[in-house]
């Protein structure tokens, strides 16, 4: 399970390993080829509950979204890796409750452009909050649209170092500022969006986007590059909407 969690968010596979070097977002290692890169990645092609997906108006189901306990936290560490930036949080600093269970926040990271689409519409940026409970994963996604600059995003971008570096961010980070006030949300069952694409994730994606500036989007792409897997077939799954 340690490897599964590591594979989830834009590549927390340790830098320098063969697998980290093989997969990516362009060329021979692009998402459409992940399933052929290694037997460990076969579900990336063969799976039927893959993520992300194009979120369409779902079945109304009140009370299915998680309850988040996200506030100001300190001790966040930014780690640049081969496929993005992972923001590690101290154990026990934030939680969510889903289906009567408590999940601890492990880390969060960003994708450009968004991995989830809404009714065929991609967004320029998406953040994923990865939480775990006894080996099970629940991930919360927040979309960003072009508009005013986001102050917390500036702080997070300023902490991005060179590949392989991991540094603690001074001061506190407001996790609540990275969540919309309107917490209507899509819910569905899916997978990691990076190899090995394990189908072990309960997904929540908020319907209301936050605002981020063109300069902030450009700064991320110029530094990290585009790191989004395209939407995958929904197949026989249902998307629930808790509004």
C-alpha atoms as a PDB file:
ATOM      1  CA  UNK A   1       0.000   0.000   0.000  1.00  0.00           C
ATOM      2  CA  UNK A   2       2.944   2.338   0.577  1.00  0.00           C
ATOM      3  CA  UNK A   3       3.775   2.091  -3.138  1.00  0.00           C
ATOM      4  CA  UNK A   4       0.138   2.595  -4.118  1.00  0.00           C
ATOM      5  CA  UNK A   5      -0.083   5.799  -2.083  1.00  0.00           C
ATOM      6  CA  UNK A   6       3.209   6.971  -3.535  1.00  0.00           C
ATOM      7  CA  UNK A   7       1.953   6.473  -7.054  1.00  0.00           C
ATOM      8  CA  UNK A   8      -1.117   8.584  -6.569  1.00  0.00           C
ATOM      9  CA  UNK A   9      -0.288  12.148  -6.957  1.00  0.00           C
ATOM     10  CA  UNK A  10       1.730  13.178  -9.816  1.00  0.00           C
ATOM     11  CA  UNK A  11       4.524  10.925  -9.259  1.00  0.00           C
ATOM     12  CA  UNK A  12       5.736  10.388  -5.823  1.00  0.00           C
ATOM     13  CA  UNK A  13       7.608   7.348  -7.069  1.00  0.00           C
ATOM     14  CA  UNK A  14      11.157   8.035  -5.840  1.00  0.00           C
ATOM     15  CA  UNK A  15      13.223  10.008  -8.334  1.00  0.00           C
ATOM     16  CA  UNK A  16      15.883   7.943 -10.035  1.00  0.00           C
ATOM     17  CA  UNK A  17      13.988   4.645 -10.173  1.00  0.00           C
ATOM     18  CA  UNK A  18      13.426   3.028 -13.528  1.00  0.00           C
ATOM     19  CA  UNK A  19       9.655   3.385 -13.319  1.00  0.00           C
ATOM     20  CA  UNK A  20       9.879   7.085 -12.486  1.00  0.00           C
ATOM     21  CA  UNK A  21      11.992   7.586 -15.582  1.00  0.00           C
ATOM     22  CA  UNK A  22       9.727   5.600 -17.901  1.00  0.00           C
ATOM     23  CA  UNK A  23       6.305   7.185 -17.469  1.00  0.00           C
ATOM     24  CA  UNK A  24       5.317  10.776 -18.002  1.00  0.00           C
ATOM     25  CA  UNK A  25       2.945  12.977 -19.956  1.00  0.00           C
ATOM     26  CA  UNK A  26       4.498  13.099 -23.437  1.00  0.00           C
ATOM     27  CA  UNK A  27       6.283  10.873 -25.916  1.00  0.00           C
ATOM     28  CA  UNK A  28       6.676   7.141 -25.394  1.00  0.00           C
ATOM     29  CA  UNK A  29       5.874   7.482 -21.695  1.00  0.00           C
ATOM     30  CA  UNK A  30       2.608   9.376 -22.278  1.00  0.00           C
ATOM     31  CA  UNK A  31      -0.623   8.321 -20.515  1.00  0.00           C
ATOM     32  CA  UNK A  32      -1.951   6.328 -23.470  1.00  0.00           C
ATOM     33  CA  UNK A  33       1.141   4.093 -23.190  1.00  0.00           C
ATOM     34  CA  UNK A  34       1.296   3.623 -19.405  1.00  0.00           C
ATOM     35  CA  UNK A  35      -0.309   0.188 -19.445  1.00  0.00           C
ATOM     36  CA  UNK A  36       2.404  -1.186 -21.750  1.00  0.00           C
ATOM     37  CA  UNK A  37       5.375   0.205 -19.815  1.00  0.00           C
ATOM     38  CA  UNK A  38       5.334  -2.387 -17.030  1.00  0.00           C
ATOM     39  CA  UNK A  39       3.212  -5.356 -15.918  1.00  0.00           C
ATOM     40  CA  UNK A  40       2.656  -3.363 -12.714  1.00  0.00           C
ATOM     41  CA  UNK A  41       0.893  -0.698 -14.785  1.00  0.00           C
ATOM     42  CA  UNK A  42      -1.433  -3.039 -16.716  1.00  0.00           C
ATOM     43  CA  UNK A  43      -4.571  -1.720 -14.999  1.00  0.00           C
ATOM     44  CA  UNK A  44      -3.869   1.719 -16.503  1.00  0.00           C
ATOM     45  CA  UNK A  45      -5.112   0.211 -19.782  1.00  0.00           C
ATOM     46  CA  UNK A  46      -7.230  -2.725 -18.643  1.00  0.00           C
ATOM     47  CA  UNK A  47      -9.039  -1.139 -15.695  1.00  0.00           C
ATOM     48  CA  UNK A  48     -12.719  -0.222 -15.853  1.00  0.00           C
ATOM     49  CA  UNK A  49     -12.782   2.291 -12.977  1.00  0.00           C
ATOM     50  CA  UNK A  50     -10.013   4.629 -14.051  1.00  0.00           C
ATOM     51  CA  UNK A  51      -9.568   8.283 -13.106  1.00  0.00           C
ATOM     52  CA  UNK A  52      -9.909  11.095 -13.922  1.00  0.00           C
ATOM     53  CA  UNK A  53     -13.287  11.290 -15.654  1.00  0.00           C
ATOM     54  CA  UNK A  54     -15.457  13.887 -17.344  1.00  0.00           C
ATOM     55  CA  UNK A  55     -17.953  14.754 -14.610  1.00  0.00           C
ATOM     56  CA  UNK A  56     -21.500  15.092 -15.907  1.00  0.00           C
ATOM     57  CA  UNK A  57     -24.626  16.032 -13.940  1.00  0.00           C
ATOM     58  CA  UNK A  58     -24.940  13.152 -11.542  1.00  0.00           C
ATOM     59  CA  UNK A  59     -27.550  11.370  -9.498  1.00  0.00           C
ATOM     60  CA  UNK A  60     -28.609  13.636  -6.640  1.00  0.00           C
ATOM     61  CA  UNK A  61     -27.513  12.012  -3.394  1.00  0.00           C
ATOM     62  CA  UNK A  62     -27.502  14.246  -0.334  1.00  0.00           C
ATOM     63  CA  UNK A  63     -25.032  13.551   2.439  1.00  0.00           C
ATOM     64  CA  UNK A  64     -22.423  11.617   0.451  1.00  0.00           C
ATOM     65  CA  UNK A  65     -19.673  14.232   0.405  1.00  0.00           C
ATOM     66  CA  UNK A  66     -17.001  14.141   3.109  1.00  0.00           C
ATOM     67  CA  UNK A  67     -16.794  16.533   6.031  1.00  0.00           C
ATOM     68  CA  UNK A  68     -13.437  18.303   5.926  1.00  0.00           C
ATOM     69  CA  UNK A  69     -11.444  19.557   8.900  1.00  0.00           C
ATOM     70  CA  UNK A  70      -8.908  21.676   7.023  1.00  0.00           C
ATOM     71  CA  UNK A  71      -7.472  24.764   8.723  1.00  0.00           C
ATOM     72  CA  UNK A  72      -4.149  26.593   9.002  1.00  0.00           C
ATOM     73  CA  UNK A  73      -1.198  24.227   9.233  1.00  0.00           C
ATOM     74  CA  UNK A  74       2.544  24.634   9.597  1.00  0.00           C
ATOM     75  CA  UNK A  75       5.424  22.336   8.788  1.00  0.00           C
ATOM     76  CA  UNK A  76       4.363  21.769   5.163  1.00  0.00           C
ATOM     77  CA  UNK A  77       7.242  20.496   3.022  1.00  0.00           C
ATOM     78  CA  UNK A  78       7.451  21.028  -0.740  1.00  0.00           C
ATOM     79  CA  UNK A  79       9.113  18.206  -2.671  1.00  0.00           C
ATOM     80  CA  UNK A  80       9.903  18.604  -6.359  1.00  0.00           C
ATOM     81  CA  UNK A  81       9.880  15.296  -8.212  1.00  0.00           C
ATOM     82  CA  UNK A  82       9.973  14.024 -11.754  1.00  0.00           C
ATOM     83  CA  UNK A  83       6.291  14.683 -12.422  1.00  0.00           C
ATOM     84  CA  UNK A  84       5.256  17.614 -10.259  1.00  0.00           C
ATOM     85  CA  UNK A  85       5.449  18.983  -6.731  1.00  0.00           C
ATOM     86  CA  UNK A  86       4.173  17.187  -3.640  1.00  0.00           C
ATOM     87  CA  UNK A  87       3.283  19.206  -0.545  1.00  0.00           C
ATOM     88  CA  UNK A  88       3.706  16.891   2.442  1.00  0.00           C
ATOM     89  CA  UNK A  89       1.803  17.747   5.619  1.00  0.00           C
ATOM     90  CA  UNK A  90       2.590  16.703   9.205  1.00  0.00           C
ATOM     91  CA  UNK A  91       0.692  13.655  10.431  1.00  0.00           C
ATOM     92  CA  UNK A  92      -2.605  14.499  12.078  1.00  0.00           C
ATOM     93  CA  UNK A  93      -2.711  18.102  10.864  1.00  0.00           C
ATOM     94  CA  UNK A  94      -5.905  17.741   8.794  1.00  0.00           C
ATOM     95  CA  UNK A  95      -8.638  15.146   8.396  1.00  0.00           C
ATOM     96  CA  UNK A  96     -11.819  14.346   6.576  1.00  0.00           C
ATOM     97  CA  UNK A  97     -14.727  12.131   7.557  1.00  0.00           C
ATOM     98  CA  UNK A  98     -16.301   9.907   4.899  1.00  0.00           C
ATOM     99  CA  UNK A  99     -18.865   7.167   5.442  1.00  0.00           C
ATOM    100  CA  UNK A 100     -18.267   7.276   9.182  1.00  0.00           C
ATOM    101  CA  UNK A 101     -14.485   6.922   8.888  1.00  0.00           C
ATOM    102  CA  UNK A 102     -11.730   9.422   9.578  1.00  0.00           C
ATOM    103  CA  UNK A 103      -9.035   9.915   6.912  1.00  0.00           C
ATOM    104  CA  UNK A 104      -5.753  11.733   7.581  1.00  0.00           C
ATOM    105  CA  UNK A 105      -4.337  14.149   5.020  1.00  0.00           C
ATOM    106  CA  UNK A 106      -0.995  12.903   3.708  1.00  0.00           C
ATOM    107  CA  UNK A 107      -0.186  15.430   1.024  1.00  0.00           C
ATOM    108  CA  UNK A 108      -1.592  17.574  -1.752  1.00  0.00           C
ATOM    109  CA  UNK A 109      -0.410  18.406  -5.260  1.00  0.00           C
ATOM    110  CA  UNK A 110      -1.485  20.241  -8.401  1.00  0.00           C
ATOM    111  CA  UNK A 111      -2.141  19.261 -12.005  1.00  0.00           C
ATOM    112  CA  UNK A 112      -2.047  21.547 -15.031  1.00  0.00           C
ATOM    113  CA  UNK A 113      -4.384  21.431 -16.814  1.00  0.00           C
ATOM    114  CA  UNK A 114      -7.139  19.922 -14.659  1.00  0.00           C
ATOM    115  CA  UNK A 115      -7.461  16.160 -14.771  1.00  0.00           C
ATOM    116  CA  UNK A 116     -11.201  16.141 -14.117  1.00  0.00           C
ATOM    117  CA  UNK A 117     -13.430  17.875 -16.640  1.00  0.00           C
ATOM    118  CA  UNK A 118     -16.992  19.073 -16.039  1.00  0.00           C
ATOM    119  CA  UNK A 119     -19.448  18.470 -18.881  1.00  0.00           C
ATOM    120  CA  UNK A 120     -16.626  18.389 -21.412  1.00  0.00           C
ATOM    121  CA  UNK A 121     -14.903  21.472 -20.001  1.00  0.00           C
ATOM    122  CA  UNK A 122     -11.319  21.294 -18.695  1.00  0.00           C
ATOM    123  CA  UNK A 123      -9.937  23.854 -16.255  1.00  0.00           C
ATOM    124  CA  UNK A 124      -6.407  25.246 -16.200  1.00  0.00           C
ATOM    125  CA  UNK A 125      -5.463  23.869 -12.772  1.00  0.00           C
ATOM    126  CA  UNK A 126      -6.606  21.312 -10.194  1.00  0.00           C
ATOM    127  CA  UNK A 127      -5.409  20.489  -6.685  1.00  0.00           C
ATOM    128  CA  UNK A 128      -5.726  17.012  -5.169  1.00  0.00           C
ATOM    129  CA  UNK A 129      -5.794  16.431  -1.404  1.00  0.00           C
ATOM    130  CA  UNK A 130      -4.785  12.837  -0.682  1.00  0.00           C
ATOM    131  CA  UNK A 131      -6.067  11.252   2.531  1.00  0.00           C
ATOM    132  CA  UNK A 132      -5.730   7.732   3.891  1.00  0.00           C
ATOM    133  CA  UNK A 133      -7.366   5.489   6.474  1.00  0.00           C
ATOM    134  CA  UNK A 134      -5.934   2.042   7.186  1.00  0.00           C
ATOM    135  CA  UNK A 135      -4.817   1.594   3.604  1.00  0.00           C
ATOM    136  CA  UNK A 136      -7.912   3.081   1.940  1.00  0.00           C
ATOM    137  CA  UNK A 137      -7.637   6.326   0.005  1.00  0.00           C
ATOM    138  CA  UNK A 138     -10.010   9.275  -0.365  1.00  0.00           C
ATOM    139  CA  UNK A 139      -8.970  12.163  -2.592  1.00  0.00           C
ATOM    140  CA  UNK A 140     -10.573  15.604  -2.811  1.00  0.00           C
ATOM    141  CA  UNK A 141     -10.180  17.640  -5.991  1.00  0.00           C
ATOM    142  CA  UNK A 142     -10.650  21.399  -6.362  1.00  0.00           C
ATOM    143  CA  UNK A 143     -10.743  23.046  -9.794  1.00  0.00           C
ATOM    144  CA  UNK A 144      -9.361  26.499 -10.631  1.00  0.00           C
ATOM    145  CA  UNK A 145     -10.576  28.898 -13.306  1.00  0.00           C
ATOM    146  CA  UNK A 146      -8.786  31.924 -14.758  1.00  0.00           C
ATOM    147  CA  UNK A 147      -9.355  35.129 -12.817  1.00  0.00           C
ATOM    148  CA  UNK A 148      -7.849  36.870  -9.817  1.00  0.00           C
ATOM    149  CA  UNK A 149      -4.569  35.677  -8.341  1.00  0.00           C
ATOM    150  CA  UNK A 150      -4.748  33.316  -5.360  1.00  0.00           C
ATOM    151  CA  UNK A 151      -2.525  34.351  -2.435  1.00  0.00           C
ATOM    152  CA  UNK A 152      -1.985  30.837  -1.088  1.00  0.00           C
ATOM    153  CA  UNK A 153      -0.985  29.611  -4.536  1.00  0.00           C
ATOM    154  CA  UNK A 154       1.725  32.298  -4.630  1.00  0.00           C
ATOM    155  CA  UNK A 155       3.127  30.973  -1.343  1.00  0.00           C
ATOM    156  CA  UNK A 156       3.093  27.398  -2.604  1.00  0.00           C
ATOM    157  CA  UNK A 157       4.737  28.292  -5.914  1.00  0.00           C
ATOM    158  CA  UNK A 158       7.474  30.246  -4.110  1.00  0.00           C
ATOM    159  CA  UNK A 159       8.436  27.036  -2.314  1.00  0.00           C
ATOM    160  CA  UNK A 160       9.064  25.026  -5.481  1.00  0.00           C
ATOM    161  CA  UNK A 161      12.733  24.089  -5.617  1.00  0.00           C
ATOM    162  CA  UNK A 162      14.941  22.158  -7.974  1.00  0.00           C
ATOM    163  CA  UNK A 163      14.140  18.528  -8.872  1.00  0.00           C
ATOM    164  CA  UNK A 164      14.918  16.276  -5.930  1.00  0.00           C
ATOM    165  CA  UNK A 165      14.750  19.055  -3.332  1.00  0.00           C
ATOM    166  CA  UNK A 166      12.443  18.926  -0.309  1.00  0.00           C
ATOM    167  CA  UNK A 167      12.183  22.032   1.850  1.00  0.00           C
ATOM    168  CA  UNK A 168       9.893  23.142   4.668  1.00  0.00           C
ATOM    169  CA  UNK A 169       7.708  26.173   3.972  1.00  0.00           C
ATOM    170  CA  UNK A 170       8.056  28.943   6.545  1.00  0.00           C
ATOM    171  CA  UNK A 171       4.897  29.953   8.396  1.00  0.00           C
ATOM    172  CA  UNK A 172       1.422  28.537   7.960  1.00  0.00           C
ATOM    173  CA  UNK A 173      -0.603  27.444   4.956  1.00  0.00           C
ATOM    174  CA  UNK A 174      -4.362  28.021   4.930  1.00  0.00           C
ATOM    175  CA  UNK A 175      -5.837  24.794   3.611  1.00  0.00           C
ATOM    176  CA  UNK A 176      -9.310  26.298   3.944  1.00  0.00           C
ATOM    177  CA  UNK A 177      -8.347  28.941   1.370  1.00  0.00           C
ATOM    178  CA  UNK A 178      -7.916  26.116  -1.145  1.00  0.00           C
ATOM    179  CA  UNK A 179     -11.529  24.980  -0.715  1.00  0.00           C
ATOM    180  CA  UNK A 180     -14.628  26.671  -2.177  1.00  0.00           C
ATOM    181  CA  UNK A 181     -17.199  28.091   0.214  1.00  0.00           C
ATOM    182  CA  UNK A 182     -19.948  26.312  -1.715  1.00  0.00           C
ATOM    183  CA  UNK A 183     -19.112  22.685  -1.076  1.00  0.00           C
ATOM    184  CA  UNK A 184     -21.502  21.017  -3.497  1.00  0.00           C
ATOM    185  CA  UNK A 185     -19.520  18.116  -4.881  1.00  0.00           C
ATOM    186  CA  UNK A 186     -19.345  15.193  -7.275  1.00  0.00           C
ATOM    187  CA  UNK A 187     -18.620  11.744  -5.801  1.00  0.00           C
ATOM    188  CA  UNK A 188     -17.513   8.605  -7.601  1.00  0.00           C
ATOM    189  CA  UNK A 189     -15.262   5.564  -7.225  1.00  0.00           C
ATOM    190  CA  UNK A 190     -12.077   5.543  -9.259  1.00  0.00           C
ATOM    191  CA  UNK A 191      -8.338   5.129  -9.340  1.00  0.00           C
ATOM    192  CA  UNK A 192      -4.989   6.751  -8.930  1.00  0.00           C
ATOM    193  CA  UNK A 193      -4.410   9.155 -11.826  1.00  0.00           C
ATOM    194  CA  UNK A 194      -0.762   8.103 -12.104  1.00  0.00           C
ATOM    195  CA  UNK A 195       0.813   4.657 -12.456  1.00  0.00           C
ATOM    196  CA  UNK A 196       0.113   2.065 -11.205  1.00  0.00           C
ATOM    197  CA  UNK A 197      -3.465   3.425 -11.646  1.00  0.00           C
ATOM    198  CA  UNK A 198      -4.785   1.220  -8.820  1.00  0.00           C
ATOM    199  CA  UNK A 199      -8.591   1.343  -8.542  1.00  0.00           C
ATOM    200  CA  UNK A 200      -8.659   2.097  -4.814  1.00  0.00           C
ATOM    201  CA  UNK A 201      -9.783   5.730  -4.574  1.00  0.00           C
ATOM    202  CA  UNK A 202     -13.005   7.353  -3.371  1.00  0.00           C
ATOM    203  CA  UNK A 203     -13.118  10.643  -5.252  1.00  0.00           C
ATOM    204  CA  UNK A 204     -14.758  13.946  -4.319  1.00  0.00           C
ATOM    205  CA  UNK A 205     -14.519  16.909  -6.718  1.00  0.00           C
ATOM    206  CA  UNK A 206     -16.121  20.208  -5.754  1.00  0.00           C
ATOM    207  CA  UNK A 207     -18.402  21.740  -8.364  1.00  0.00           C
ATOM    208  CA  UNK A 208     -17.397  25.371  -7.671  1.00  0.00           C
ATOM    209  CA  UNK A 209     -13.961  26.411  -8.958  1.00  0.00           C
ATOM    210  CA  UNK A 210     -11.565  28.797  -7.264  1.00  0.00           C
ATOM    211  CA  UNK A 211      -9.745  31.612  -9.054  1.00  0.00           C
ATOM    212  CA  UNK A 212      -6.124  31.635 -10.197  1.00  0.00           C
ATOM    213  CA  UNK A 213      -4.349  34.155 -12.407  1.00  0.00           C
ATOM    214  CA  UNK A 214      -2.861  33.601 -15.852  1.00  0.00           C
ATOM    215  CA  UNK A 215       0.560  34.443 -14.400  1.00  0.00           C
ATOM    216  CA  UNK A 216       0.196  31.763 -11.726  1.00  0.00           C
ATOM    217  CA  UNK A 217      -0.850  29.161 -14.288  1.00  0.00           C
ATOM    218  CA  UNK A 218       2.043  30.087 -16.562  1.00  0.00           C
ATOM    219  CA  UNK A 219       4.512  29.974 -13.650  1.00  0.00           C
ATOM    220  CA  UNK A 220       3.494  26.418 -12.758  1.00  0.00           C
ATOM    221  CA  UNK A 221       3.598  25.147 -16.340  1.00  0.00           C
ATOM    222  CA  UNK A 222       6.912  26.876 -17.046  1.00  0.00           C
ATOM    223  CA  UNK A 223       8.466  25.356 -13.922  1.00  0.00           C
ATOM    224  CA  UNK A 224       6.864  21.932 -13.649  1.00  0.00           C
ATOM    225  CA  UNK A 225       5.319  21.340 -17.064  1.00  0.00           C
ATOM    226  CA  UNK A 226       1.884  20.011 -17.963  1.00  0.00           C
ATOM    227  CA  UNK A 227       1.078  16.941 -15.874  1.00  0.00           C
ATOM    228  CA  UNK A 228      -2.534  15.920 -16.468  1.00  0.00           C
ATOM    229  CA  UNK A 229      -3.893  12.530 -17.455  1.00  0.00           C
ATOM    230  CA  UNK A 230      -6.852  12.862 -19.859  1.00  0.00           C
ATOM    231  CA  UNK A 231     -10.352  11.803 -18.744  1.00  0.00           C
ATOM    232  CA  UNK A 232     -11.003   8.055 -18.833  1.00  0.00           C
ATOM    233  CA  UNK A 233     -14.206   6.192 -19.780  1.00  0.00           C
ATOM    234  CA  UNK A 234     -16.863   6.246 -17.076  1.00  0.00           C
ATOM    235  CA  UNK A 235     -18.070   2.765 -18.115  1.00  0.00           C
ATOM    236  CA  UNK A 236     -20.821   1.522 -15.770  1.00  0.00           C
ATOM    237  CA  UNK A 237     -20.056   3.872 -12.900  1.00  0.00           C
ATOM    238  CA  UNK A 238     -22.417   6.451 -11.473  1.00  0.00           C
ATOM    239  CA  UNK A 239     -21.423  10.003 -10.605  1.00  0.00           C
ATOM    240  CA  UNK A 240     -23.263  11.251  -7.524  1.00  0.00           C
ATOM    241  CA  UNK A 241     -23.947  14.942  -6.904  1.00  0.00           C
ATOM    242  CA  UNK A 242     -24.300  16.192  -3.349  1.00  0.00           C
ATOM    243  CA  UNK A 243     -25.531  19.800  -3.527  1.00  0.00           C
END
